[in-house]
All heavy atoms as atom14 arrays in JSON, in Angstrom:
{
  "sequence": "RRILIERLRVEREPDEIDPDVPLFGTGLGLDSVDAVELVISVEEAFQ",
  "atom14_mask": [
    [1, 1, 1, 1, 1, 1, 1, 1, 1, 1, 1, 0, 0, 0],
    [1, 1, 1, 1, 1, 1, 1, 1, 1, 1, 1, 0, 0, 0],
    [1, 1, 1, 1, 1, 1, 1, 1, 0, 0, 0, 0, 0, 0],
    [1, 1, 1, 1, 1, 1, 1, 1, 0, 0, 0, 0, 0, 0],
    [1, 1, 1, 1, 1, 1, 1, 1, 0, 0, 0, 0, 0, 0],
    [1, 1, 1, 1, 1, 1, 1, 1, 1, 0, 0, 0, 0, 0],
    [1, 1, 1, 1, 1, 1, 1, 1, 1, 1, 1, 0, 0, 0],
    [1, 1, 1, 1, 1, 1, 1, 1, 0, 0, 0, 0, 0, 0],
    [1, 1, 1, 1, 1, 1, 1, 1, 1, 1, 1, 0, 0, 0],
    [1, 1, 1, 1, 1, 1, 1, 0, 0, 0, 0, 0, 0, 0],
    [1, 1, 1, 1, 1, 1, 1, 1, 1, 0, 0, 0, 0, 0],
    [1, 1, 1, 1, 1, 1, 1, 1, 1, 1, 1, 0, 0, 0],
    [1, 1, 1, 1, 1, 1, 1, 1, 1, 0, 0, 0, 0, 0],
    [1, 1, 1, 1, 1, 1, 1, 0, 0, 0, 0, 0, 0, 0],
    [1, 1, 1, 1, 1, 1, 1, 1, 0, 0, 0, 0, 0, 0],
    [1, 1, 1, 1, 1, 1, 1, 1, 1, 0, 0, 0, 0, 0],
    [1, 1, 1, 1, 1, 1, 1, 1, 0, 0, 0, 0, 0, 0],
    [1, 1, 1, 1, 1, 1, 1, 1, 0, 0, 0, 0, 0, 0],
    [1, 1, 1, 1, 1, 1, 1, 0, 0, 0, 0, 0, 0, 0],
    [1, 1, 1, 1, 1, 1, 1, 1, 0, 0, 0, 0, 0, 0],
    [1, 1, 1, 1, 1, 1, 1, 0, 0, 0, 0, 0, 0, 0],
    [1, 1, 1, 1, 1, 1, 1, 0, 0, 0, 0, 0, 0, 0],
    [1, 1, 1, 1, 1, 1, 1, 1, 0, 0, 0, 0, 0, 0],
    [1, 1, 1, 1, 1, 1, 1, 1, 1, 1, 1, 0, 0, 0],
    [1, 1, 1, 1, 0, 0, 0, 0, 0, 0, 0, 0, 0, 0],
    [1, 1, 1, 1, 1, 1, 1, 0, 0, 0, 0, 0, 0, 0],
    [1, 1, 1, 1, 0, 0, 0, 0, 0, 0, 0, 0, 0, 0],
    [1, 1, 1, 1, 1, 1, 1, 1, 0, 0, 0, 0, 0, 0],
    [1, 1, 1, 1, 0, 0, 0, 0, 0, 0, 0, 0, 0, 0],
    [1, 1, 1, 1, 1, 1, 1, 1, 0, 0, 0, 0, 0, 0],
    [1, 1, 1, 1, 1, 1, 1, 1, 0, 0, 0, 0, 0, 0],
    [1, 1, 1, 1, 1, 1, 0, 0, 0, 0, 0, 0, 0, 0],
    [1, 1, 1, 1, 1, 1, 1, 0, 0, 0, 0, 0, 0, 0],
    [1, 1, 1, 1, 1, 1, 1, 1, 0, 0, 0, 0, 0, 0],
    [1, 1, 1, 1, 1, 0, 0, 0, 0, 0, 0, 0, 0, 0],
    [1, 1, 1, 1, 1, 1, 1, 0, 0, 0, 0, 0, 0, 0],
    [1, 1, 1, 1, 1, 1, 1, 1, 1, 0, 0, 0, 0, 0],
    [1, 1, 1, 1, 1, 1, 1, 1, 0, 0, 0, 0, 0, 0],
    [1, 1, 1, 1, 1, 1, 1, 0, 0, 0, 0, 0, 0, 0],
    [1, 1, 1, 1, 1, 1, 1, 1, 0, 0, 0, 0, 0, 0],
    [1, 1, 1, 1, 1, 1, 0, 0, 0, 0, 0, 0, 0, 0],
    [1, 1, 1, 1, 1, 1, 1, 0, 0, 0, 0, 0, 0, 0],
    [1, 1, 1, 1, 1, 1, 1, 1, 1, 0, 0, 0, 0, 0],
    [1, 1, 1, 1, 1, 1, 1, 1, 1, 0, 0, 0, 0, 0],
    [1, 1, 1, 1, 1, 0, 0, 0, 0, 0, 0, 0, 0, 0],
    [1, 1, 1, 1, 1, 1, 1, 1, 1, 1, 1, 0, 0, 0],
    [1, 1, 1, 1, 1, 1, 1, 1, 1, 0, 0, 0, 0, 0]
  ],
  "atom14_positions": [
    [[68.54, 116.68, 37.0], [69.93, 116.23, 36.86], [70.35, 115.4, 38.08], [71.02, 114.39, 37.94], [70.86, 117.42, 36.7], [70.81, 118.06, 35.33], [71.62, 119.32, 35.29], [71.82, 119.8, 33.93], [72.11, 121.05, 33.64], [72.22, 121.96, 34.6], [72.27, 121.42, 32.39], [0.0, 0.0, 0.0], [0.0, 0.0, 0.0], [0.0, 0.0, 0.0]],
    [[69.94, 115.84, 39.28], [70.26, 115.1, 40.5], [69.63, 113.71, 40.45], [70.27, 112.7, 40.78], [69.75, 115.86, 41.73], [70.17, 115.2, 43.05], [69.42, 115.78, 44.23], [67.99, 115.53, 44.18], [67.4, 114.35, 44.42], [68.13, 113.3, 44.71], [66.09, 114.21, 44.37], [0.0, 0.0, 0.0], [0.0, 0.0, 0.0], [0.0, 0.0, 0.0]],
    [[68.39, 113.61, 40.0], [67.71, 112.32, 39.87], [68.47, 111.42, 38.91], [68.69, 110.24, 39.18], [66.25, 112.52, 39.4], [65.42, 113.12, 40.53], [65.64, 111.2, 38.92], [64.04, 113.61, 40.11], [0.0, 0.0, 0.0], [0.0, 0.0, 0.0], [0.0, 0.0, 0.0], [0.0, 0.0, 0.0], [0.0, 0.0, 0.0], [0.0, 0.0, 0.0]],
    [[68.86, 111.97, 37.77], [69.58, 111.17, 36.78], [70.88, 110.62, 37.35], [71.24, 109.47, 37.1], [69.85, 112.0, 35.52], [68.61, 112.34, 34.69], [68.93, 113.42, 33.68], [68.07, 111.09, 34.01], [0.0, 0.0, 0.0], [0.0, 0.0, 0.0], [0.0, 0.0, 0.0], [0.0, 0.0, 0.0], [0.0, 0.0, 0.0], [0.0, 0.0, 0.0]],
    [[71.59, 111.42, 38.11], [72.87, 111.0, 38.66], [72.7, 110.04, 39.83], [73.34, 108.99, 39.89], [73.7, 112.24, 39.08], [74.11, 113.03, 37.83], [74.92, 111.85, 39.9], [74.63, 114.42, 38.1], [0.0, 0.0, 0.0], [0.0, 0.0, 0.0], [0.0, 0.0, 0.0], [0.0, 0.0, 0.0], [0.0, 0.0, 0.0], [0.0, 0.0, 0.0]],
    [[71.83, 110.4, 40.77], [71.71, 109.6, 42.0], [70.82, 108.37, 41.85], [71.14, 107.32, 42.4], [71.18, 110.48, 43.13], [72.16, 111.55, 43.55], [71.62, 112.47, 44.63], [70.53, 112.21, 45.18], [72.3, 113.48, 44.91], [0.0, 0.0, 0.0], [0.0, 0.0, 0.0], [0.0, 0.0, 0.0], [0.0, 0.0, 0.0], [0.0, 0.0, 0.0]],
    [[69.72, 108.48, 41.15], [68.78, 107.37, 41.08], [69.01, 106.48, 39.87], [68.75, 105.29, 39.91], [67.33, 107.88, 41.05], [66.92, 108.76, 42.22], [66.52, 108.03, 43.48], [65.45, 107.1, 43.42], [64.19, 107.32, 43.77], [63.82, 108.5, 44.2], [63.31, 106.36, 43.71], [0.0, 0.0, 0.0], [0.0, 0.0, 0.0], [0.0, 0.0, 0.0]],
    [[69.46, 107.08, 38.76], [69.66, 106.29, 37.55], [71.13, 106.06, 37.24], [71.48, 105.49, 36.23], [68.96, 106.96, 36.36], [67.45, 106.77, 36.47], [66.78, 108.05, 36.87], [66.9, 106.23, 35.21], [0.0, 0.0, 0.0], [0.0, 0.0, 0.0], [0.0, 0.0, 0.0], [0.0, 0.0, 0.0], [0.0, 0.0, 0.0], [0.0, 0.0, 0.0]],
    [[71.98, 106.54, 38.14], [73.42, 106.32, 38.07], [74.07, 106.76, 36.75], [74.93, 106.07, 36.19], [73.74, 104.86, 38.35], [73.38, 104.47, 39.78], [73.55, 102.99, 40.02], [73.17, 102.59, 41.35], [71.92, 102.44, 41.78], [70.93, 102.7, 41.0], [71.66, 102.05, 43.02], [0.0, 0.0, 0.0], [0.0, 0.0, 0.0], [0.0, 0.0, 0.0]],
    [[73.61, 107.91, 36.24], [74.26, 108.5, 35.08], [75.6, 109.05, 35.57], [75.65, 109.85, 36.49], [73.39, 109.63, 34.47], [74.15, 110.39, 33.41], [72.1, 109.05, 33.91], [0.0, 0.0, 0.0], [0.0, 0.0, 0.0], [0.0, 0.0, 0.0], [0.0, 0.0, 0.0], [0.0, 0.0, 0.0], [0.0, 0.0, 0.0], [0.0, 0.0, 0.0]],
    [[76.66, 108.57, 34.98], [78.0, 108.9, 35.46], [78.53, 110.17, 34.81], [79.44, 110.14, 33.99], [78.93, 107.71, 35.23], [78.54, 106.52, 36.07], [79.49, 105.37, 35.92], [80.57, 105.53, 35.33], [79.14, 104.27, 36.4], [0.0, 0.0, 0.0], [0.0, 0.0, 0.0], [0.0, 0.0, 0.0], [0.0, 0.0, 0.0], [0.0, 0.0, 0.0]],
    [[77.92, 111.28, 35.21], [78.34, 112.61, 34.74], [78.13, 113.59, 35.86], [77.36, 113.37, 36.78], [77.52, 113.04, 33.53], [77.69, 112.15, 32.33], [77.0, 112.7, 31.13], [77.02, 111.7, 30.07], [76.46, 111.86, 28.91], [75.82, 112.97, 28.63], [76.52, 110.91, 28.0], [0.0, 0.0, 0.0], [0.0, 0.0, 0.0], [0.0, 0.0, 0.0]],
    [[78.82, 114.7, 35.77], [78.6, 115.81, 36.7], [77.33, 116.54, 36.24], [76.99, 116.51, 35.05], [79.8, 116.76, 36.69], [81.06, 116.17, 37.26], [80.92, 115.78, 38.72], [80.35, 116.56, 39.5], [81.38, 114.67, 39.07], [0.0, 0.0, 0.0], [0.0, 0.0, 0.0], [0.0, 0.0, 0.0], [0.0, 0.0, 0.0], [0.0, 0.0, 0.0]],
    [[76.63, 117.2, 37.15], [75.39, 117.88, 36.76], [75.55, 118.82, 35.57], [74.73, 118.82, 34.66], [74.98, 118.64, 38.02], [75.58, 117.86, 39.14], [76.88, 117.32, 38.6], [0.0, 0.0, 0.0], [0.0, 0.0, 0.0], [0.0, 0.0, 0.0], [0.0, 0.0, 0.0], [0.0, 0.0, 0.0], [0.0, 0.0, 0.0], [0.0, 0.0, 0.0]],
    [[76.61, 119.62, 35.57], [76.79, 120.57, 34.47], [77.22, 119.91, 33.16], [77.25, 120.55, 32.11], [77.77, 121.68, 34.86], [79.15, 121.17, 35.2], [79.3, 119.98, 35.49], [80.1, 121.99, 35.17], [0.0, 0.0, 0.0], [0.0, 0.0, 0.0], [0.0, 0.0, 0.0], [0.0, 0.0, 0.0], [0.0, 0.0, 0.0], [0.0, 0.0, 0.0]],
    [[77.53, 118.62, 33.2], [77.87, 117.87, 31.99], [76.63, 117.3, 31.31], [76.73, 116.76, 30.21], [78.83, 116.73, 32.32], [80.2, 117.19, 32.75], [81.1, 116.04, 33.17], [80.58, 114.94, 33.5], [82.31, 116.22, 33.17], [0.0, 0.0, 0.0], [0.0, 0.0, 0.0], [0.0, 0.0, 0.0], [0.0, 0.0, 0.0], [0.0, 0.0, 0.0]],
    [[75.48, 117.38, 31.97], [74.24, 116.86, 31.38], [73.57, 118.0, 30.62], [72.94, 118.88, 31.2], [73.3, 116.28, 32.45], [73.99, 115.11, 33.16], [71.98, 115.84, 31.82], [73.2, 114.52, 34.31], [0.0, 0.0, 0.0], [0.0, 0.0, 0.0], [0.0, 0.0, 0.0], [0.0, 0.0, 0.0], [0.0, 0.0, 0.0], [0.0, 0.0, 0.0]],
    [[73.74, 117.99, 29.32], [73.16, 119.0, 28.44], [71.64, 118.86, 28.47], [71.12, 117.75, 28.28], [73.68, 118.78, 27.02], [73.21, 119.81, 26.02], [72.15, 120.44, 26.25], [73.89, 119.99, 25.0], [0.0, 0.0, 0.0], [0.0, 0.0, 0.0], [0.0, 0.0, 0.0], [0.0, 0.0, 0.0], [0.0, 0.0, 0.0], [0.0, 0.0, 0.0]],
    [[70.92, 119.95, 28.67], [69.46, 119.86, 28.72], [68.83, 119.34, 27.43], [67.71, 118.85, 27.44], [69.02, 121.3, 28.99], [70.19, 121.95, 29.62], [71.4, 121.28, 29.01], [0.0, 0.0, 0.0], [0.0, 0.0, 0.0], [0.0, 0.0, 0.0], [0.0, 0.0, 0.0], [0.0, 0.0, 0.0], [0.0, 0.0, 0.0], [0.0, 0.0, 0.0]],
    [[69.53, 119.43, 26.32], [68.98, 118.96, 25.05], [69.42, 117.54, 24.69], [69.1, 117.05, 23.61], [69.36, 119.93, 23.92], [68.66, 121.26, 24.09], [67.47, 121.28, 24.45], [69.33, 122.3, 23.88], [0.0, 0.0, 0.0], [0.0, 0.0, 0.0], [0.0, 0.0, 0.0], [0.0, 0.0, 0.0], [0.0, 0.0, 0.0], [0.0, 0.0, 0.0]],
    [[70.14, 116.87, 25.59], [70.59, 115.52, 25.31], [69.4, 114.55, 25.39], [68.55, 114.67, 26.28], [71.72, 115.08, 26.28], [71.21, 114.88, 27.69], [72.4, 113.82, 25.79], [0.0, 0.0, 0.0], [0.0, 0.0, 0.0], [0.0, 0.0, 0.0], [0.0, 0.0, 0.0], [0.0, 0.0, 0.0], [0.0, 0.0, 0.0], [0.0, 0.0, 0.0]],
    [[69.31, 113.63, 24.44], [68.25, 112.62, 24.53], [68.45, 111.76, 25.79], [69.58, 111.44, 26.17], [68.44, 111.77, 23.27], [69.19, 112.66, 22.32], [70.07, 113.51, 23.2], [0.0, 0.0, 0.0], [0.0, 0.0, 0.0], [0.0, 0.0, 0.0], [0.0, 0.0, 0.0], [0.0, 0.0, 0.0], [0.0, 0.0, 0.0], [0.0, 0.0, 0.0]],
    [[67.35, 111.4, 26.43], [67.43, 110.57, 27.62], [67.77, 109.12, 27.27], [68.45, 108.44, 28.02], [66.11, 110.62, 28.39], [65.78, 111.97, 29.03], [64.34, 111.99, 29.51], [66.73, 112.24, 30.17], [0.0, 0.0, 0.0], [0.0, 0.0, 0.0], [0.0, 0.0, 0.0], [0.0, 0.0, 0.0], [0.0, 0.0, 0.0], [0.0, 0.0, 0.0]],
    [[67.29, 108.67, 26.12], [67.44, 107.26, 25.74], [68.34, 107.12, 24.53], [68.69, 108.1, 23.88], [66.06, 106.65, 25.48], [65.15, 106.76, 26.67], [64.29, 107.83, 26.82], [65.2, 105.81, 27.68], [63.49, 107.96, 27.94], [64.41, 105.92, 28.8], [63.55, 107.01, 28.93], [0.0, 0.0, 0.0], [0.0, 0.0, 0.0], [0.0, 0.0, 0.0]],
    [[68.74, 105.89, 24.25], [69.55, 105.62, 23.08], [70.94, 106.21, 23.18], [71.61, 106.07, 24.2], [0.0, 0.0, 0.0], [0.0, 0.0, 0.0], [0.0, 0.0, 0.0], [0.0, 0.0, 0.0], [0.0, 0.0, 0.0], [0.0, 0.0, 0.0], [0.0, 0.0, 0.0], [0.0, 0.0, 0.0], [0.0, 0.0, 0.0], [0.0, 0.0, 0.0]],
    [[71.35, 106.91, 22.14], [72.72, 107.41, 22.08], [72.96, 108.62, 22.98], [74.1, 109.04, 23.14], [73.09, 107.81, 20.64], [72.19, 108.83, 20.2], [73.04, 106.62, 19.71], [0.0, 0.0, 0.0], [0.0, 0.0, 0.0], [0.0, 0.0, 0.0], [0.0, 0.0, 0.0], [0.0, 0.0, 0.0], [0.0, 0.0, 0.0], [0.0, 0.0, 0.0]],
    [[71.92, 109.16, 23.59], [72.09, 110.29, 24.5], [72.67, 109.83, 25.82], [73.83, 109.45, 25.9], [0.0, 0.0, 0.0], [0.0, 0.0, 0.0], [0.0, 0.0, 0.0], [0.0, 0.0, 0.0], [0.0, 0.0, 0.0], [0.0, 0.0, 0.0], [0.0, 0.0, 0.0], [0.0, 0.0, 0.0], [0.0, 0.0, 0.0], [0.0, 0.0, 0.0]],
    [[71.83, 109.82, 26.86], [72.29, 109.36, 28.17], [72.29, 107.84, 28.28], [72.77, 107.29, 29.26], [71.42, 109.96, 29.28], [71.54, 111.48, 29.45], [70.61, 111.95, 30.56], [72.97, 111.88, 29.75], [0.0, 0.0, 0.0], [0.0, 0.0, 0.0], [0.0, 0.0, 0.0], [0.0, 0.0, 0.0], [0.0, 0.0, 0.0], [0.0, 0.0, 0.0]],
    [[71.72, 107.17, 27.29], [71.77, 105.71, 27.27], [70.8, 105.02, 28.19], [70.99, 103.84, 28.53], [0.0, 0.0, 0.0], [0.0, 0.0, 0.0], [0.0, 0.0, 0.0], [0.0, 0.0, 0.0], [0.0, 0.0, 0.0], [0.0, 0.0, 0.0], [0.0, 0.0, 0.0], [0.0, 0.0, 0.0], [0.0, 0.0, 0.0], [0.0, 0.0, 0.0]],
    [[69.74, 105.71, 28.62], [68.76, 105.06, 29.48], [67.99, 104.01, 28.68], [67.87, 104.1, 27.46], [67.78, 106.1, 30.05], [68.4, 107.23, 30.87], [67.3, 108.14, 31.4], [69.27, 106.71, 31.99], [0.0, 0.0, 0.0], [0.0, 0.0, 0.0], [0.0, 0.0, 0.0], [0.0, 0.0, 0.0], [0.0, 0.0, 0.0], [0.0, 0.0, 0.0]],
    [[67.46, 103.0, 29.38], [66.69, 101.95, 28.73], [65.28, 101.91, 29.33], [64.91, 102.77, 30.13], [67.4, 100.6, 28.84], [67.62, 100.15, 30.28], [66.88, 100.59, 31.18], [68.55, 99.35, 30.5], [0.0, 0.0, 0.0], [0.0, 0.0, 0.0], [0.0, 0.0, 0.0], [0.0, 0.0, 0.0], [0.0, 0.0, 0.0], [0.0, 0.0, 0.0]],
    [[64.5, 100.89, 28.98], [63.11, 100.82, 29.42], [62.98, 100.64, 30.94], [62.05, 101.16, 31.54], [62.37, 99.7, 28.69], [63.02, 98.46, 28.92], [0.0, 0.0, 0.0], [0.0, 0.0, 0.0], [0.0, 0.0, 0.0], [0.0, 0.0, 0.0], [0.0, 0.0, 0.0], [0.0, 0.0, 0.0], [0.0, 0.0, 0.0], [0.0, 0.0, 0.0]],
    [[63.9, 99.93, 31.54], [63.88, 99.78, 33.01], [64.17, 101.13, 33.65], [63.52, 101.52, 34.63], [64.9, 98.72, 33.47], [64.99, 98.67, 34.98], [64.54, 97.36, 32.9], [0.0, 0.0, 0.0], [0.0, 0.0, 0.0], [0.0, 0.0, 0.0], [0.0, 0.0, 0.0], [0.0, 0.0, 0.0], [0.0, 0.0, 0.0], [0.0, 0.0, 0.0]],
    [[65.12, 101.87, 33.09], [65.42, 103.21, 33.58], [64.21, 104.13, 33.44], [63.99, 105.0, 34.28], [66.61, 103.81, 32.83], [67.91, 103.08, 33.06], [68.13, 102.62, 34.19], [68.7, 102.98, 32.11], [0.0, 0.0, 0.0], [0.0, 0.0, 0.0], [0.0, 0.0, 0.0], [0.0, 0.0, 0.0], [0.0, 0.0, 0.0], [0.0, 0.0, 0.0]],
    [[63.45, 103.95, 32.37], [62.27, 104.79, 32.15], [61.28, 104.66, 33.3], [60.73, 105.65, 33.77], [61.6, 104.43, 30.83], [0.0, 0.0, 0.0], [0.0, 0.0, 0.0], [0.0, 0.0, 0.0], [0.0, 0.0, 0.0], [0.0, 0.0, 0.0], [0.0, 0.0, 0.0], [0.0, 0.0, 0.0], [0.0, 0.0, 0.0], [0.0, 0.0, 0.0]],
    [[61.08, 103.44, 33.77], [60.18, 103.22, 34.9], [60.7, 103.93, 36.15], [59.96, 104.63, 36.84], [59.98, 101.7, 35.16], [59.17, 101.46, 36.42], [59.33, 101.04, 33.96], [0.0, 0.0, 0.0], [0.0, 0.0, 0.0], [0.0, 0.0, 0.0], [0.0, 0.0, 0.0], [0.0, 0.0, 0.0], [0.0, 0.0, 0.0], [0.0, 0.0, 0.0]],
    [[61.98, 103.77, 36.43], [62.58, 104.43, 37.59], [62.53, 105.94, 37.45], [62.27, 106.66, 38.43], [64.03, 103.98, 37.77], [64.74, 104.62, 38.94], [64.17, 104.27, 40.3], [63.61, 103.16, 40.45], [64.26, 105.12, 41.22], [0.0, 0.0, 0.0], [0.0, 0.0, 0.0], [0.0, 0.0, 0.0], [0.0, 0.0, 0.0], [0.0, 0.0, 0.0]],
    [[62.74, 106.44, 36.25], [62.68, 107.88, 36.01], [61.28, 108.42, 36.29], [61.12, 109.44, 36.95], [63.13, 108.2, 34.59], [63.16, 109.67, 34.2], [64.09, 110.46, 35.11], [63.57, 109.81, 32.74], [0.0, 0.0, 0.0], [0.0, 0.0, 0.0], [0.0, 0.0, 0.0], [0.0, 0.0, 0.0], [0.0, 0.0, 0.0], [0.0, 0.0, 0.0]],
    [[60.27, 107.74, 35.79], [58.89, 108.17, 36.02], [58.58, 108.21, 37.51], [58.06, 109.19, 38.03], [57.89, 107.27, 35.26], [56.46, 107.51, 35.75], [57.99, 107.5, 33.77], [0.0, 0.0, 0.0], [0.0, 0.0, 0.0], [0.0, 0.0, 0.0], [0.0, 0.0, 0.0], [0.0, 0.0, 0.0], [0.0, 0.0, 0.0], [0.0, 0.0, 0.0]],
    [[58.91, 107.14, 38.2], [58.65, 107.07, 39.65], [59.39, 108.19, 40.38], [58.82, 108.88, 41.23], [59.04, 105.68, 40.21], [58.1, 104.62, 39.66], [59.04, 105.68, 41.73], [58.57, 103.2, 39.89], [0.0, 0.0, 0.0], [0.0, 0.0, 0.0], [0.0, 0.0, 0.0], [0.0, 0.0, 0.0], [0.0, 0.0, 0.0], [0.0, 0.0, 0.0]],
    [[60.65, 108.37, 40.06], [61.46, 109.39, 40.73], [60.95, 110.8, 40.46], [60.89, 111.63, 41.37], [62.92, 109.28, 40.28], [63.45, 108.04, 40.64], [0.0, 0.0, 0.0], [0.0, 0.0, 0.0], [0.0, 0.0, 0.0], [0.0, 0.0, 0.0], [0.0, 0.0, 0.0], [0.0, 0.0, 0.0], [0.0, 0.0, 0.0], [0.0, 0.0, 0.0]],
    [[60.57, 111.08, 39.23], [60.06, 112.41, 38.88], [58.71, 112.65, 39.56], [58.47, 113.73, 40.09], [59.97, 112.57, 37.34], [59.15, 113.79, 36.96], [61.37, 112.64, 36.74], [0.0, 0.0, 0.0], [0.0, 0.0, 0.0], [0.0, 0.0, 0.0], [0.0, 0.0, 0.0], [0.0, 0.0, 0.0], [0.0, 0.0, 0.0], [0.0, 0.0, 0.0]],
    [[57.85, 111.64, 39.56], [56.56, 111.8, 40.23], [56.74, 112.09, 41.72], [56.06, 112.95, 42.27], [55.69, 110.55, 40.03], [55.15, 110.42, 38.63], [54.29, 109.19, 38.42], [54.39, 108.22, 39.22], [53.5, 109.2, 37.46], [0.0, 0.0, 0.0], [0.0, 0.0, 0.0], [0.0, 0.0, 0.0], [0.0, 0.0, 0.0], [0.0, 0.0, 0.0]],
    [[57.66, 111.4, 42.36], [57.92, 111.63, 43.78], [58.54, 113.01, 44.04], [58.11, 113.73, 44.93], [58.87, 110.56, 44.34], [58.26, 109.21, 44.49], [59.27, 108.14, 44.91], [60.48, 108.47, 45.08], [58.87, 106.99, 45.06], [0.0, 0.0, 0.0], [0.0, 0.0, 0.0], [0.0, 0.0, 0.0], [0.0, 0.0, 0.0], [0.0, 0.0, 0.0]],
    [[59.54, 113.36, 43.26], [60.27, 114.61, 43.48], [59.44, 115.85, 43.19], [59.54, 116.85, 43.9], [61.54, 114.63, 42.63], [0.0, 0.0, 0.0], [0.0, 0.0, 0.0], [0.0, 0.0, 0.0], [0.0, 0.0, 0.0], [0.0, 0.0, 0.0], [0.0, 0.0, 0.0], [0.0, 0.0, 0.0], [0.0, 0.0, 0.0], [0.0, 0.0, 0.0]],
    [[58.61, 115.79, 42.16], [57.88, 116.97, 41.73], [56.39, 116.94, 42.07], [55.67, 117.88, 41.77], [58.06, 117.17, 40.22], [59.47, 117.48, 39.82], [60.28, 116.5, 39.27], [59.99, 118.76, 39.99], [61.59, 116.79, 38.89], [61.3, 119.05, 39.62], [62.1, 118.06, 39.07], [0.0, 0.0, 0.0], [0.0, 0.0, 0.0], [0.0, 0.0, 0.0]],
    [[55.95, 115.85, 42.68], [54.53, 115.72, 43.05], [53.61, 115.92, 41.85], [52.65, 116.68, 41.89], [54.18, 116.69, 44.17], [54.98, 116.48, 45.45], [54.75, 115.1, 46.04], [53.63, 114.75, 46.37], [55.79, 114.31, 46.16], [0.0, 0.0, 0.0], [0.0, 0.0, 0.0], [0.0, 0.0, 0.0], [0.0, 0.0, 0.0], [0.0, 0.0, 0.0]]
  ]
}
């Protein structure tokens, strides 16, 4: 949730991000460029 807010600029509070929300499309609205950033951020954060 922190990665989504800080790195991908999802404009929600952490507790407002439902764990079952889709990351792309009508969910959080991420796109293909965001997908690349998400992969990089997750790989770095979680090793």
